[in-house]
Amino acid sequence: MATTKADKTAQAKAEYNAFLAVCPSRQLLDRISDKWVVLILCALGGDTSEQSGASHTPKAMRYSELARVLVGVSQKMLTQTLRALERDGLLIRTVTPTVPVTVTYELTDLGLSLHHLTRGLRQWAQTHMEQVLAHRESHDARAS
């Protein structure tokens, strides 16, 4: 029986199971599987270059830089996603009192650890897109 706060935390951690509807890790999986989260983490991780073998160095980016890199994201979606990632401790928002105010975002250590996984997801999607499109076309031809 857990008696201290540390014991209760350890017990809760041992009981996390994303297959259970009530598990908070399921909500986290929902968040981090979002395409905008993956792309924001990749951008802040310096993973915007398409050169193979290019070194990717994490960097702080301004909101406007992120909006330019993430073609198609709405202002509302970008703002909501950045706030959620900050709340989860995956990125840090820094406000510098300049005229106009400068706001930058950068990955925390926790965010960087997740970025290593999201980079692989993005690369996999780009590498295998031709195969997926071919399978979709074949499937749709059989289904019609």
C-alpha atoms as a PDB file:
ATOM      1  CA  MET A   1       0.000   0.000   0.000  1.00  0.00           C
ATOM      2  CA  ALA A   2       1.475   3.364  -1.071  1.00  0.00           C
ATOM      3  CA  THR A   3       1.887   5.742   1.822  1.00  0.00           C
ATOM      4  CA  THR A   4       4.263   8.503   0.740  1.00  0.00           C
ATOM      5  CA  LYS A   5       3.843  10.803  -2.232  1.00  0.00           C
ATOM      6  CA  ALA A   6       6.844   9.138  -3.886  1.00  0.00           C
ATOM      7  CA  ASP A   7       5.286   5.693  -3.330  1.00  0.00           C
ATOM      8  CA  LYS A   8       1.993   6.858  -4.847  1.00  0.00           C
ATOM      9  CA  THR A   9       3.796   8.370  -7.840  1.00  0.00           C
ATOM     10  CA  ALA A  10       5.771   5.165  -8.418  1.00  0.00           C
ATOM     11  CA  GLN A  11       2.614   3.073  -8.138  1.00  0.00           C
ATOM     12  CA  ALA A  12       0.736   5.297 -10.605  1.00  0.00           C
ATOM     13  CA  LYS A  13       3.653   5.145 -13.049  1.00  0.00           C
ATOM     14  CA  ALA A  14       3.690   1.354 -12.846  1.00  0.00           C
ATOM     15  CA  GLU A  15      -0.033   1.313 -13.570  1.00  0.00           C
ATOM     16  CA  TYR A  16       0.026   3.509 -16.719  1.00  0.00           C
ATOM     17  CA  ASN A  17      -1.500   1.473 -19.515  1.00  0.00           C
ATOM     18  CA  ALA A  18      -2.515   3.281 -22.708  1.00  0.00           C
ATOM     19  CA  PHE A  19      -4.844   0.417 -23.603  1.00  0.00           C
ATOM     20  CA  LEU A  20      -7.129   1.509 -20.746  1.00  0.00           C
ATOM     21  CA  ALA A  21      -9.525   4.346 -21.577  1.00  0.00           C
ATOM     22  CA  VAL A  22      -8.933   6.143 -18.284  1.00  0.00           C
ATOM     23  CA  CYS A  23      -5.136   6.163 -18.515  1.00  0.00           C
ATOM     24  CA  PRO A  24      -3.652   9.665 -18.899  1.00  0.00           C
ATOM     25  CA  SER A  25      -0.978   8.276 -21.206  1.00  0.00           C
ATOM     26  CA  ARG A  26      -3.734   7.761 -23.789  1.00  0.00           C
ATOM     27  CA  GLN A  27      -4.349  11.521 -23.834  1.00  0.00           C
ATOM     28  CA  LEU A  28      -0.633  12.100 -24.230  1.00  0.00           C
ATOM     29  CA  LEU A  29      -0.497   9.655 -27.147  1.00  0.00           C
ATOM     30  CA  ASP A  30      -3.401  11.498 -28.740  1.00  0.00           C
ATOM     31  CA  ARG A  31      -1.483  14.777 -28.452  1.00  0.00           C
ATOM     32  CA  ILE A  32       1.895  13.575 -29.680  1.00  0.00           C
ATOM     33  CA  SER A  33       0.437  11.667 -32.628  1.00  0.00           C
ATOM     34  CA  ASP A  34      -0.973  14.884 -34.096  1.00  0.00           C
ATOM     35  CA  LYS A  35       0.708  15.905 -37.372  1.00  0.00           C
ATOM     36  CA  TRP A  36       1.285  19.477 -36.214  1.00  0.00           C
ATOM     37  CA  VAL A  37       2.981  18.274 -33.021  1.00  0.00           C
ATOM     38  CA  VAL A  38       5.264  16.008 -35.039  1.00  0.00           C
ATOM     39  CA  LEU A  39       6.122  18.810 -37.455  1.00  0.00           C
ATOM     40  CA  ILE A  40       6.660  21.430 -34.706  1.00  0.00           C
ATOM     41  CA  LEU A  41       9.004  19.074 -32.858  1.00  0.00           C
ATOM     42  CA  CYS A  42      10.881  18.350 -36.088  1.00  0.00           C
ATOM     43  CA  ALA A  43      11.178  22.063 -36.893  1.00  0.00           C
ATOM     44  CA  LEU A  44      12.420  22.997 -33.419  1.00  0.00           C
ATOM     45  CA  GLY A  45      14.777  20.015 -33.560  1.00  0.00           C
ATOM     46  CA  GLY A  46      16.383  21.541 -36.653  1.00  0.00           C
ATOM     47  CA  ASP A  47      14.997  18.804 -38.866  1.00  0.00           C
ATOM     48  CA  THR A  48      13.730  20.988 -41.717  1.00  0.00           C
ATOM     49  CA  SER A  49      16.556  20.323 -44.175  1.00  0.00           C
ATOM     50  CA  GLU A  50      15.986  17.657 -46.789  1.00  0.00           C
ATOM     51  CA  GLN A  51      19.701  16.995 -47.271  1.00  0.00           C
ATOM     52  CA  SER A  52      20.477  13.414 -46.359  1.00  0.00           C
ATOM     53  CA  GLY A  53      23.103  13.147 -43.686  1.00  0.00           C
ATOM     54  CA  ALA A  54      22.651  16.823 -42.764  1.00  0.00           C
ATOM     55  CA  SER A  55      23.252  17.483 -39.098  1.00  0.00           C
ATOM     56  CA  HIS A  56      20.162  18.628 -37.292  1.00  0.00           C
ATOM     57  CA  THR A  57      20.793  21.029 -34.466  1.00  0.00           C
ATOM     58  CA  PRO A  58      17.878  22.035 -32.244  1.00  0.00           C
ATOM     59  CA  LYS A  59      17.165  25.732 -32.403  1.00  0.00           C
ATOM     60  CA  ALA A  60      14.847  28.321 -30.950  1.00  0.00           C
ATOM     61  CA  MET A  61      12.340  29.657 -33.463  1.00  0.00           C
ATOM     62  CA  ARG A  62       9.976  32.578 -33.504  1.00  0.00           C
ATOM     63  CA  TYR A  63       6.266  32.039 -34.054  1.00  0.00           C
ATOM     64  CA  SER A  64       6.487  33.552 -37.550  1.00  0.00           C
ATOM     65  CA  GLU A  65       9.343  31.199 -38.474  1.00  0.00           C
ATOM     66  CA  LEU A  66       7.315  28.199 -37.368  1.00  0.00           C
ATOM     67  CA  ALA A  67       4.291  29.434 -39.317  1.00  0.00           C
ATOM     68  CA  ARG A  68       6.428  29.726 -42.477  1.00  0.00           C
ATOM     69  CA  VAL A  69       7.937  26.246 -42.082  1.00  0.00           C
ATOM     70  CA  LEU A  70       4.587  24.597 -41.277  1.00  0.00           C
ATOM     71  CA  VAL A  71       2.844  25.390 -44.527  1.00  0.00           C
ATOM     72  CA  GLY A  72      -0.917  25.070 -44.127  1.00  0.00           C
ATOM     73  CA  VAL A  73      -1.187  25.384 -40.339  1.00  0.00           C
ATOM     74  CA  SER A  74      -3.736  27.951 -39.215  1.00  0.00           C
ATOM     75  CA  GLN A  75      -2.787  30.617 -36.691  1.00  0.00           C
ATOM     76  CA  LYS A  76      -5.326  29.169 -34.250  1.00  0.00           C
ATOM     77  CA  MET A  77      -3.994  25.604 -34.587  1.00  0.00           C
ATOM     78  CA  LEU A  78      -0.361  26.681 -34.262  1.00  0.00           C
ATOM     79  CA  THR A  79      -1.120  28.744 -31.159  1.00  0.00           C
ATOM     80  CA  GLN A  80      -3.155  25.938 -29.535  1.00  0.00           C
ATOM     81  CA  THR A  81      -0.519  23.339 -30.300  1.00  0.00           C
ATOM     82  CA  LEU A  82       2.349  25.459 -28.990  1.00  0.00           C
ATOM     83  CA  ARG A  83       0.436  26.147 -25.768  1.00  0.00           C
ATOM     84  CA  ALA A  84      -0.305  22.448 -25.285  1.00  0.00           C
ATOM     85  CA  LEU A  85       3.346  21.496 -25.874  1.00  0.00           C
ATOM     86  CA  GLU A  86       4.463  24.145 -23.393  1.00  0.00           C
ATOM     87  CA  ARG A  87       1.958  22.852 -20.823  1.00  0.00           C
ATOM     88  CA  ASP A  88       3.263  19.306 -21.281  1.00  0.00           C
ATOM     89  CA  GLY A  89       6.840  20.480 -20.745  1.00  0.00           C
ATOM     90  CA  LEU A  90       7.984  19.677 -24.280  1.00  0.00           C
ATOM     91  CA  LEU A  91       8.949  23.212 -25.196  1.00  0.00           C
ATOM     92  CA  ILE A  92       9.819  26.508 -23.565  1.00  0.00           C
ATOM     93  CA  ARG A  93       8.260  29.800 -24.603  1.00  0.00           C
ATOM     94  CA  THR A  94      10.547  32.763 -24.025  1.00  0.00           C
ATOM     95  CA  VAL A  95       9.271  36.340 -24.207  1.00  0.00           C
ATOM     96  CA  THR A  96      11.883  39.050 -24.746  1.00  0.00           C
ATOM     97  CA  PRO A  97      10.682  42.606 -24.010  1.00  0.00           C
ATOM     98  CA  THR A  98      11.660  44.282 -27.267  1.00  0.00           C
ATOM     99  CA  VAL A  99       9.597  46.502 -29.539  1.00  0.00           C
ATOM    100  CA  PRO A 100       7.755  44.579 -30.812  1.00  0.00           C
ATOM    101  CA  VAL A 101       7.939  41.778 -28.243  1.00  0.00           C
ATOM    102  CA  THR A 102       9.987  38.784 -29.386  1.00  0.00           C
ATOM    103  CA  VAL A 103       8.628  35.332 -28.558  1.00  0.00           C
ATOM    104  CA  THR A 104      10.680  32.224 -29.242  1.00  0.00           C
ATOM    105  CA  TYR A 105      10.046  28.531 -28.739  1.00  0.00           C
ATOM    106  CA  GLU A 106      12.600  25.820 -28.142  1.00  0.00           C
ATOM    107  CA  LEU A 107      12.585  22.182 -27.118  1.00  0.00           C
ATOM    108  CA  THR A 108      13.168  21.117 -23.541  1.00  0.00           C
ATOM    109  CA  ASP A 109      15.199  17.976 -22.848  1.00  0.00           C
ATOM    110  CA  LEU A 110      11.893  16.105 -22.665  1.00  0.00           C
ATOM    111  CA  GLY A 111      10.807  17.571 -26.008  1.00  0.00           C
ATOM    112  CA  LEU A 112      14.157  16.743 -27.560  1.00  0.00           C
ATOM    113  CA  SER A 113      13.822  13.108 -26.483  1.00  0.00           C
ATOM    114  CA  LEU A 114      10.433  12.969 -28.224  1.00  0.00           C
ATOM    115  CA  HIS A 115      11.804  14.783 -31.276  1.00  0.00           C
ATOM    116  CA  HIS A 116      14.175  11.893 -31.936  1.00  0.00           C
ATOM    117  CA  LEU A 117      11.118   9.655 -32.368  1.00  0.00           C
ATOM    118  CA  THR A 118       9.066  12.131 -34.405  1.00  0.00           C
ATOM    119  CA  ARG A 119      11.989  12.680 -36.786  1.00  0.00           C
ATOM    120  CA  GLY A 120      11.868   8.971 -37.552  1.00  0.00           C
ATOM    121  CA  LEU A 121       8.106   9.080 -38.140  1.00  0.00           C
ATOM    122  CA  ARG A 122       8.397  12.007 -40.527  1.00  0.00           C
ATOM    123  CA  GLN A 123      11.271  10.389 -42.417  1.00  0.00           C
ATOM    124  CA  TRP A 124       9.402   7.090 -42.624  1.00  0.00           C
ATOM    125  CA  ALA A 125       6.306   8.798 -44.030  1.00  0.00           C
ATOM    126  CA  GLN A 126       8.324  10.646 -46.661  1.00  0.00           C
ATOM    127  CA  THR A 127      10.407   7.599 -47.593  1.00  0.00           C
ATOM    128  CA  HIS A 128       7.454   5.218 -47.955  1.00  0.00           C
ATOM    129  CA  MET A 129       4.869   7.555 -49.463  1.00  0.00           C
ATOM    130  CA  GLU A 130       5.227   6.133 -52.987  1.00  0.00           C
ATOM    131  CA  GLN A 131       4.591   2.599 -51.705  1.00  0.00           C
ATOM    132  CA  VAL A 132       1.583   3.726 -49.678  1.00  0.00           C
ATOM    133  CA  LEU A 133       0.120   5.585 -52.663  1.00  0.00           C
ATOM    134  CA  ALA A 134       0.586   2.495 -54.842  1.00  0.00           C
ATOM    135  CA  HIS A 135      -1.158   0.310 -52.243  1.00  0.00           C
ATOM    136  CA  ARG A 136      -4.016   2.794 -51.946  1.00  0.00           C
ATOM    137  CA  GLU A 137      -4.473   2.866 -55.702  1.00  0.00           C
ATOM    138  CA  SER A 138      -4.441  -0.951 -55.899  1.00  0.00           C
ATOM    139  CA  HIS A 139      -6.876  -1.264 -52.980  1.00  0.00           C
ATOM    140  CA  ASP A 140      -9.259   1.337 -54.391  1.00  0.00           C
ATOM    141  CA  ALA A 141      -9.208  -0.360 -57.812  1.00  0.00           C
ATOM    142  CA  ARG A 142     -10.206  -3.688 -56.222  1.00  0.00           C
ATOM    143  CA  ALA A 143     -12.883  -2.050 -54.079  1.00  0.00           C
ATOM    144  CA  SER A 144     -14.670  -0.364 -56.983  1.00  0.00           C
END
